[in-house]
Protein backbone atom coordinates (compact mmCIF):
# COMPACT_ATOMS: atom_id res chain seq x y z
CA UNK A 1 10.80 143.34 -70.10
CA UNK A 2 8.38 146.67 -68.05
CA UNK A 3 7.95 149.94 -69.48
CA UNK A 4 5.72 152.88 -68.36
CA UNK A 5 2.79 154.08 -70.81
CA UNK A 6 0.02 156.43 -71.02
CA UNK A 7 -2.79 155.83 -72.90
CA UNK A 8 -4.81 159.04 -71.95
CA UNK A 9 -8.14 158.79 -74.03
CA UNK A 10 -10.86 156.24 -75.60
CA UNK A 11 -9.71 156.82 -78.86
CA UNK A 12 -6.53 156.04 -77.78
CA UNK A 13 -7.22 153.04 -76.10
CA UNK A 14 -8.37 151.85 -80.21
CA UNK A 15 -4.97 152.79 -81.17
CA UNK A 16 -3.12 151.24 -78.49
CA UNK A 17 -5.51 148.09 -78.96
CA UNK A 18 -4.76 147.98 -82.70
CA UNK A 19 -0.79 148.21 -82.30
CA UNK A 20 -0.53 145.27 -80.06
CA UNK A 21 -3.09 143.01 -81.22
CA UNK A 22 -0.77 141.24 -83.27
CA UNK A 23 1.85 140.37 -80.66
CA UNK A 24 2.30 136.40 -80.37
CA UNK A 25 3.68 137.39 -76.64
CA UNK A 26 1.90 137.84 -73.50
CA UNK A 27 1.75 141.34 -72.81
CA UNK A 28 0.07 142.98 -69.63
CA UNK A 29 -1.44 146.43 -68.11
CA UNK A 30 -0.53 146.95 -64.40
CA UNK A 31 -2.44 149.41 -62.57
CA UNK A 32 -2.13 148.85 -58.47
CA UNK A 33 -3.27 145.65 -57.75
CA UNK A 34 -4.86 145.05 -61.49
CA UNK A 35 -3.00 143.24 -63.87
CA UNK A 36 -5.37 142.77 -67.41
CA UNK A 37 -4.73 141.49 -70.70
CA UNK A 38 -2.99 144.47 -73.02
CA UNK A 39 -4.84 143.27 -76.35
CA UNK A 40 -8.07 143.08 -74.42
CA UNK A 41 -10.00 146.34 -75.13
CA UNK A 42 -12.80 145.47 -72.22
CA UNK A 43 -10.03 144.81 -69.97
CA UNK A 44 -8.39 148.12 -70.80
CA UNK A 45 -11.69 150.47 -70.31
CA UNK A 46 -11.87 148.15 -66.80
CA UNK A 47 -9.12 150.58 -65.66
CA UNK A 48 -7.87 154.15 -65.46
CA UNK A 49 -6.45 154.19 -68.95
CA UNK A 50 -5.35 157.90 -68.40
CA UNK A 51 -3.01 157.16 -65.63
CA UNK A 52 0.55 155.65 -66.18
CA UNK A 53 0.01 152.31 -66.51
CA UNK A 54 3.32 149.50 -66.53
CA UNK A 55 3.17 147.54 -70.05
CA UNK A 56 4.91 144.06 -69.79
CA UNK A 57 6.03 141.90 -71.95
CA UNK A 58 6.52 138.45 -71.77
CA UNK A 59 8.41 137.46 -75.27
CA UNK A 60 7.46 134.74 -77.04
CA UNK A 61 9.23 135.73 -80.47
CA UNK A 62 12.57 136.69 -80.83
CA UNK A 63 12.63 140.67 -81.22
CA UNK A 64 9.07 141.71 -80.01
CA UNK A 65 10.06 143.61 -77.16
CA UNK A 66 11.71 145.80 -79.65
CA UNK A 67 9.02 146.25 -82.01
CA UNK A 68 6.65 146.99 -78.66
CA UNK A 69 9.24 149.54 -77.58
CA UNK A 70 9.51 151.35 -80.72
CA UNK A 71 5.56 151.21 -81.22
CA UNK A 72 4.76 152.64 -77.93
CA UNK A 73 7.71 155.66 -78.77
CA UNK A 74 6.97 156.55 -82.11
CA UNK A 75 2.65 156.83 -81.29
CA UNK A 76 3.03 158.56 -78.09
CA UNK A 77 2.44 156.39 -75.65
CA UNK A 78 5.76 155.60 -74.19
CA UNK A 79 6.29 158.06 -70.28
CA UNK A 80 9.77 158.98 -70.53
């Protein structure tokens, strides 16, 4: 599952990582040709987190993709 998100600023990076750090599934952020671990604060800081990014989840535990989508929407990361 893929979705478009926008993190925005440094404080939001910390909030984003706190939300996704407990997922068992593999989470990746893509920006152009760069692909990074979405659970890595250092990785996120190495890309343009103020741009629209593609968030991909490779689900390992049932229901995590739906939970992730809901969290992104509730916390204002999801781009419509």
